[in-house]
C-alpha atoms as a PDB file:
ATOM      1  CA  MET A   1       5.373 -27.644 -53.165  1.00  0.00           C
ATOM      2  CA  ARG A   2       6.292 -30.096 -50.450  1.00  0.00           C
ATOM      3  CA  ALA A   3       6.450 -33.817 -51.205  1.00  0.00           C
ATOM      4  CA  VAL A   4       3.964 -36.075 -49.282  1.00  0.00           C
ATOM      5  CA  THR A   5       6.868 -37.851 -47.700  1.00  0.00           C
ATOM      6  CA  ASP A   6       8.124 -34.585 -46.244  1.00  0.00           C
ATOM      7  CA  ILE A   7       4.751 -33.961 -44.805  1.00  0.00           C
ATOM      8  CA  MET A   8       4.590 -37.520 -43.380  1.00  0.00           C
ATOM      9  CA  TRP A   9       8.037 -37.616 -41.776  1.00  0.00           C
ATOM     10  CA  ASN A  10       8.757 -34.030 -40.953  1.00  0.00           C
ATOM     11  CA  SER A  11       5.435 -32.624 -39.707  1.00  0.00           C
ATOM     12  CA  GLU A  12       3.306 -33.067 -36.604  1.00  0.00           C
ATOM     13  CA  ILE A  13      -0.346 -32.852 -37.206  1.00  0.00           C
ATOM     14  CA  PHE A  14      -2.699 -32.180 -34.295  1.00  0.00           C
ATOM     15  CA  GLU A  15      -6.248 -31.415 -33.657  1.00  0.00           C
ATOM     16  CA  THR A  16      -7.316 -29.184 -30.687  1.00  0.00           C
ATOM     17  CA  LEU A  17      -9.424 -30.930 -27.967  1.00  0.00           C
ATOM     18  CA  HIS A  18     -12.304 -28.528 -28.690  1.00  0.00           C
ATOM     19  CA  ASP A  19     -12.386 -29.579 -32.424  1.00  0.00           C
ATOM     20  CA  ALA A  20     -11.828 -33.307 -31.907  1.00  0.00           C
ATOM     21  CA  HIS A  21     -14.636 -35.775 -32.558  1.00  0.00           C
ATOM     22  CA  THR A  22     -14.533 -38.445 -29.694  1.00  0.00           C
ATOM     23  CA  VAL A  23     -16.419 -41.726 -29.476  1.00  0.00           C
ATOM     24  CA  ALA A  24     -16.976 -44.229 -26.616  1.00  0.00           C
ATOM     25  CA  ALA A  25     -14.127 -46.770 -26.436  1.00  0.00           C
ATOM     26  CA  GLU A  26     -14.560 -50.473 -26.105  1.00  0.00           C
ATOM     27  CA  THR A  27     -13.679 -51.951 -22.781  1.00  0.00           C
ATOM     28  CA  PRO A  28      -9.853 -52.387 -23.047  1.00  0.00           C
ATOM     29  CA  ALA A  29      -8.382 -55.857 -22.635  1.00  0.00           C
ATOM     30  CA  GLY A  30      -6.086 -56.168 -19.625  1.00  0.00           C
ATOM     31  CA  VAL A  31      -2.480 -57.138 -20.233  1.00  0.00           C
ATOM     32  CA  THR A  32      -2.674 -60.202 -18.146  1.00  0.00           C
ATOM     33  CA  ASP A  33      -3.292 -62.489 -21.045  1.00  0.00           C
ATOM     34  CA  PRO A  34       0.015 -62.812 -23.150  1.00  0.00           C
ATOM     35  CA  ARG A  35      -1.700 -64.580 -26.063  1.00  0.00           C
ATOM     36  CA  LYS A  36      -4.327 -61.812 -26.496  1.00  0.00           C
ATOM     37  CA  LEU A  37      -1.452 -59.266 -26.257  1.00  0.00           C
ATOM     38  CA  ARG A  38       0.563 -61.196 -28.924  1.00  0.00           C
ATOM     39  CA  ASP A  39      -2.494 -61.482 -31.171  1.00  0.00           C
ATOM     40  CA  THR A  40      -3.281 -57.693 -30.769  1.00  0.00           C
ATOM     41  CA  LEU A  41       0.345 -56.844 -31.605  1.00  0.00           C
ATOM     42  CA  GLY A  42       0.025 -59.044 -34.716  1.00  0.00           C
ATOM     43  CA  SER A  43      -2.487 -56.458 -36.029  1.00  0.00           C
ATOM     44  CA  PHE A  44       0.462 -54.437 -37.028  1.00  0.00           C
ATOM     45  CA  ALA A  45       1.796 -55.677 -40.451  1.00  0.00           C
ATOM     46  CA  THR A  46       5.452 -55.945 -40.677  1.00  0.00           C
ATOM     47  CA  GLY A  47       8.158 -56.769 -43.212  1.00  0.00           C
ATOM     48  CA  VAL A  48      10.158 -59.952 -42.810  1.00  0.00           C
ATOM     49  CA  THR A  49      13.852 -60.164 -42.233  1.00  0.00           C
ATOM     50  CA  VAL A  50      16.429 -62.903 -41.767  1.00  0.00           C
ATOM     51  CA  LEU A  51      19.490 -62.078 -39.667  1.00  0.00           C
ATOM     52  CA  THR A  52      22.566 -63.940 -40.895  1.00  0.00           C
ATOM     53  CA  TYR A  53      25.958 -64.489 -39.437  1.00  0.00           C
ATOM     54  CA  CYS A  54      28.879 -66.875 -39.586  1.00  0.00           C
ATOM     55  CA  SER A  55      29.973 -69.030 -36.626  1.00  0.00           C
ATOM     56  CA  GLY A  56      32.037 -72.191 -36.331  1.00  0.00           C
ATOM     57  CA  GLY A  57      32.696 -72.287 -40.094  1.00  0.00           C
ATOM     58  CA  ALA A  58      29.030 -72.340 -40.978  1.00  0.00           C
ATOM     59  CA  TYR A  59      26.335 -69.786 -42.067  1.00  0.00           C
ATOM     60  CA  HIS A  60      23.446 -69.262 -39.730  1.00  0.00           C
ATOM     61  CA  GLY A  61      20.222 -67.276 -39.821  1.00  0.00           C
ATOM     62  CA  MET A  62      16.979 -66.579 -38.044  1.00  0.00           C
ATOM     63  CA  THR A  63      13.734 -65.139 -39.274  1.00  0.00           C
ATOM     64  CA  VAL A  64      12.833 -61.873 -37.409  1.00  0.00           C
ATOM     65  CA  ASN A  65       9.938 -59.377 -38.044  1.00  0.00           C
ATOM     66  CA  SER A  66      10.874 -56.915 -35.218  1.00  0.00           C
ATOM     67  CA  PHE A  67      13.218 -54.688 -37.122  1.00  0.00           C
ATOM     68  CA  THR A  68      13.256 -50.920 -37.352  1.00  0.00           C
ATOM     69  CA  SER A  69      15.528 -47.952 -38.325  1.00  0.00           C
ATOM     70  CA  VAL A  70      16.830 -45.987 -35.315  1.00  0.00           C
ATOM     71  CA  SER A  71      19.274 -43.397 -36.632  1.00  0.00           C
ATOM     72  CA  LEU A  72      20.856 -42.019 -39.726  1.00  0.00           C
ATOM     73  CA  GLU A  73      23.772 -40.379 -37.911  1.00  0.00           C
ATOM     74  CA  PRO A  74      25.212 -42.653 -36.888  1.00  0.00           C
ATOM     75  CA  PRO A  75      23.434 -45.284 -39.154  1.00  0.00           C
ATOM     76  CA  LEU A  76      21.686 -47.674 -36.608  1.00  0.00           C
ATOM     77  CA  VAL A  77      19.051 -50.295 -36.900  1.00  0.00           C
ATOM     78  CA  LEU A  78      17.341 -52.340 -34.228  1.00  0.00           C
ATOM     79  CA  VAL A  79      16.242 -56.006 -33.998  1.00  0.00           C
ATOM     80  CA  SER A  80      14.298 -57.487 -31.082  1.00  0.00           C
ATOM     81  CA  LEU A  81      15.485 -61.106 -30.274  1.00  0.00           C
ATOM     82  CA  MET A  82      13.919 -63.504 -27.722  1.00  0.00           C
ATOM     83  CA  ARG A  83      16.161 -63.733 -24.766  1.00  0.00           C
ATOM     84  CA  THR A  84      16.132 -67.590 -25.134  1.00  0.00           C
ATOM     85  CA  SER A  85      17.285 -67.430 -28.723  1.00  0.00           C
ATOM     86  CA  ARG A  86      20.365 -69.553 -29.409  1.00  0.00           C
ATOM     87  CA  ALA A  87      21.575 -66.959 -31.794  1.00  0.00           C
ATOM     88  CA  LEU A  88      21.543 -64.117 -29.391  1.00  0.00           C
ATOM     89  CA  THR A  89      24.988 -64.677 -27.909  1.00  0.00           C
ATOM     90  CA  TYR A  90      26.577 -64.886 -31.332  1.00  0.00           C
ATOM     91  CA  LEU A  91      24.864 -61.741 -32.662  1.00  0.00           C
ATOM     92  CA  LEU A  92      26.018 -59.718 -29.682  1.00  0.00           C
ATOM     93  CA  GLU A  93      29.632 -60.295 -30.514  1.00  0.00           C
ATOM     94  CA  ARG A  94      30.026 -60.521 -34.217  1.00  0.00           C
ATOM     95  CA  PRO A  95      28.995 -58.868 -37.514  1.00  0.00           C
ATOM     96  CA  PHE A  96      25.580 -59.739 -38.829  1.00  0.00           C
ATOM     97  CA  ALA A  97      23.465 -58.964 -41.921  1.00  0.00           C
ATOM     98  CA  VAL A  98      19.776 -58.008 -41.890  1.00  0.00           C
ATOM     99  CA  ASN A  99      18.198 -59.361 -44.992  1.00  0.00           C
ATOM    100  CA  VAL A 100      14.817 -57.821 -45.858  1.00  0.00           C
ATOM    101  CA  LEU A 101      12.916 -60.487 -47.840  1.00  0.00           C
ATOM    102  CA  GLY A 102      10.875 -59.960 -50.953  1.00  0.00           C
ATOM    103  CA  ASP A 103       7.568 -61.609 -51.663  1.00  0.00           C
ATOM    104  CA  ASP A 104       9.281 -64.262 -53.691  1.00  0.00           C
ATOM    105  CA  GLN A 105      11.238 -65.412 -50.744  1.00  0.00           C
ATOM    106  CA  LEU A 106       8.628 -67.009 -48.475  1.00  0.00           C
ATOM    107  CA  GLN A 107      10.475 -70.466 -48.497  1.00  0.00           C
ATOM    108  CA  THR A 108      13.586 -68.663 -47.336  1.00  0.00           C
ATOM    109  CA  ALA A 109      11.611 -67.040 -44.472  1.00  0.00           C
ATOM    110  CA  ARG A 110      10.176 -70.389 -43.407  1.00  0.00           C
ATOM    111  CA  GLN A 111      13.618 -72.055 -43.654  1.00  0.00           C
ATOM    112  CA  PHE A 112      15.002 -69.760 -41.007  1.00  0.00           C
ATOM    113  CA  ALA A 113      11.842 -69.744 -38.953  1.00  0.00           C
ATOM    114  CA  GLY A 114      12.285 -73.429 -37.990  1.00  0.00           C
ATOM    115  CA  LYS A 115      10.361 -74.916 -40.900  1.00  0.00           C
ATOM    116  CA  PRO A 116      13.320 -76.203 -43.113  1.00  0.00           C
ATOM    117  CA  ASP A 117      12.858 -77.679 -46.494  1.00  0.00           C
ATOM    118  CA  ASP A 118      15.800 -79.949 -47.498  1.00  0.00           C
ATOM    119  CA  THR A 119      15.219 -79.070 -51.147  1.00  0.00           C
ATOM    120  CA  HIS A 120      15.432 -75.353 -50.598  1.00  0.00           C
ATOM    121  CA  VAL A 121      18.783 -73.992 -51.454  1.00  0.00           C
ATOM    122  CA  ILE A 122      20.095 -70.671 -50.023  1.00  0.00           C
ATOM    123  CA  ASP A 123      22.444 -68.764 -52.256  1.00  0.00           C
ATOM    124  CA  TRP A 124      24.898 -66.782 -49.971  1.00  0.00           C
ATOM    125  CA  VAL A 125      26.805 -63.699 -50.827  1.00  0.00           C
ATOM    126  CA  THR A 126      30.093 -63.525 -48.843  1.00  0.00           C
ATOM    127  CA  ASP A 127      31.780 -60.373 -50.033  1.00  0.00           C
ATOM    128  CA  GLU A 128      31.598 -58.553 -46.640  1.00  0.00           C
ATOM    129  CA  ASP A 129      31.927 -59.298 -42.915  1.00  0.00           C
ATOM    130  CA  ALA A 130      28.675 -61.183 -42.546  1.00  0.00           C
ATOM    131  CA  PRO A 131      27.103 -63.651 -45.073  1.00  0.00           C
ATOM    132  CA  ARG A 132      23.872 -62.415 -46.587  1.00  0.00           C
ATOM    133  CA  ILE A 133      21.113 -63.940 -48.706  1.00  0.00           C
ATOM    134  CA  ASP A 134      21.366 -63.375 -52.456  1.00  0.00           C
ATOM    135  CA  GLY A 135      18.165 -61.819 -53.991  1.00  0.00           C
ATOM    136  CA  SER A 136      16.961 -60.097 -50.872  1.00  0.00           C
ATOM    137  CA  LEU A 137      14.774 -57.062 -51.223  1.00  0.00           C
ATOM    138  CA  ALA A 138      17.370 -55.111 -49.179  1.00  0.00           C
ATOM    139  CA  TYR A 139      20.286 -55.788 -46.882  1.00  0.00           C
ATOM    140  CA  PHE A 140      22.186 -54.125 -44.094  1.00  0.00           C
ATOM    141  CA  GLN A 141      25.645 -55.114 -43.018  1.00  0.00           C
ATOM    142  CA  CYS A 142      25.966 -54.446 -39.292  1.00  0.00           C
ATOM    143  CA  THR A 143      28.267 -54.532 -36.352  1.00  0.00           C
ATOM    144  CA  PRO A 144      26.897 -54.799 -32.838  1.00  0.00           C
ATOM    145  CA  TRP A 145      26.445 -51.199 -31.373  1.00  0.00           C
ATOM    146  CA  ALA A 146      24.614 -51.831 -28.066  1.00  0.00           C
ATOM    147  CA  SER A 147      22.004 -54.106 -26.509  1.00  0.00           C
ATOM    148  CA  TYR A 148      19.206 -53.244 -24.043  1.00  0.00           C
ATOM    149  CA  ASP A 149      16.934 -55.198 -21.840  1.00  0.00           C
ATOM    150  CA  GLY A 150      13.516 -55.707 -23.393  1.00  0.00           C
ATOM    151  CA  GLY A 151      11.860 -57.894 -20.880  1.00  0.00           C
ATOM    152  CA  ASP A 152      11.737 -61.379 -22.415  1.00  0.00           C
ATOM    153  CA  HIS A 153      13.637 -59.902 -25.396  1.00  0.00           C
ATOM    154  CA  VAL A 154      16.870 -58.177 -26.057  1.00  0.00           C
ATOM    155  CA  LEU A 155      16.969 -55.093 -28.178  1.00  0.00           C
ATOM    156  CA  LEU A 156      20.025 -55.295 -30.362  1.00  0.00           C
ATOM    157  CA  LEU A 157      21.275 -52.174 -32.157  1.00  0.00           C
ATOM    158  CA  GLY A 158      23.548 -52.642 -35.138  1.00  0.00           C
ATOM    159  CA  LYS A 159      25.624 -50.008 -36.728  1.00  0.00           C
ATOM    160  CA  VAL A 160      25.236 -50.191 -40.426  1.00  0.00           C
ATOM    161  CA  SER A 161      28.537 -50.426 -42.388  1.00  0.00           C
ATOM    162  CA  SER A 162      26.952 -51.048 -45.798  1.00  0.00           C
ATOM    163  CA  PHE A 163      23.603 -51.648 -47.414  1.00  0.00           C
ATOM    164  CA  GLY A 164      21.868 -52.302 -50.717  1.00  0.00           C
ATOM    165  CA  THR A 165      18.523 -52.806 -52.385  1.00  0.00           C
ATOM    166  CA  ARG A 166      16.982 -54.816 -55.272  1.00  0.00           C
ATOM    167  CA  GLU A 167      15.002 -52.658 -57.652  1.00  0.00           C
ATOM    168  CA  SER A 168      11.470 -53.571 -58.829  1.00  0.00           C
ATOM    169  CA  ALA A 169      10.678 -55.961 -56.001  1.00  0.00           C
ATOM    170  CA  GLU A 170       7.971 -56.173 -53.444  1.00  0.00           C
ATOM    171  CA  PRO A 171       8.185 -57.070 -49.699  1.00  0.00           C
ATOM    172  CA  LEU A 172       7.203 -60.162 -47.934  1.00  0.00           C
ATOM    173  CA  LEU A 173       4.824 -59.196 -45.186  1.00  0.00           C
ATOM    174  CA  PHE A 174       3.643 -60.803 -41.894  1.00  0.00           C
ATOM    175  CA  TYR A 175       0.219 -60.049 -40.417  1.00  0.00           C
ATOM    176  CA  GLN A 176      -1.784 -61.852 -37.746  1.00  0.00           C
ATOM    177  CA  GLY A 177       0.339 -64.883 -37.885  1.00  0.00           C
ATOM    178  CA  ARG A 178       0.059 -65.172 -41.794  1.00  0.00           C
ATOM    179  CA  TRP A 179       2.513 -64.428 -44.516  1.00  0.00           C
ATOM    180  CA  GLY A 180       1.362 -61.934 -47.200  1.00  0.00           C
ATOM    181  CA  ALA A 181       2.311 -59.413 -49.929  1.00  0.00           C
ATOM    182  CA  LEU A 182       1.180 -55.965 -51.005  1.00  0.00           C
ATOM    183  CA  ALA A 183      -2.085 -55.761 -52.800  1.00  0.00           C
ATOM    184  CA  PRO A 184      -1.696 -55.471 -56.551  1.00  0.00           C
ATOM    185  CA  GLY A 185      -1.266 -51.823 -57.523  1.00  0.00           C
ATOM    186  CA  GLY A 186      -0.809 -50.989 -53.766  1.00  0.00           C
ATOM    187  CA  HIS A 187       2.080 -48.548 -54.249  1.00  0.00           C
END
């Protein structure tokens, strides 16, 4: 018997046009309104990550929710960064860590999203090339692999050199401009 994950990731499911049930669509919104486009894109719930790196003898980070896996061979991940980001030039040329945050790390996400709290302490792990945040749900140590033009963003691919995960933890989520978590029993 095939596992559900095998069906989800390794199968293409289709329906013939003759058998498909169709409905009238709403009038689509044009793409001329960036705010409406951003709000609509926010309908896709994402996890929350913090990219961390070392520069000038200090540890830096930025909260990012545009993160995805790209390839297992070679192991590659992608983050999408605003072209105007101060961190972009640093991340293009040095090792960085992608820290996937757990639902108990909201204050850490806010800290690196430009809403710092002077009383919030970040515990850093510095045993590899890039500093990472202790207690993260998962982490990926990366070296820059390639970057691509993404309009007002730059798509940065990182080659994963090591990774790890924290067992028995739930992810921090971001949906329609709000922080959230999985529903209880929502496995």
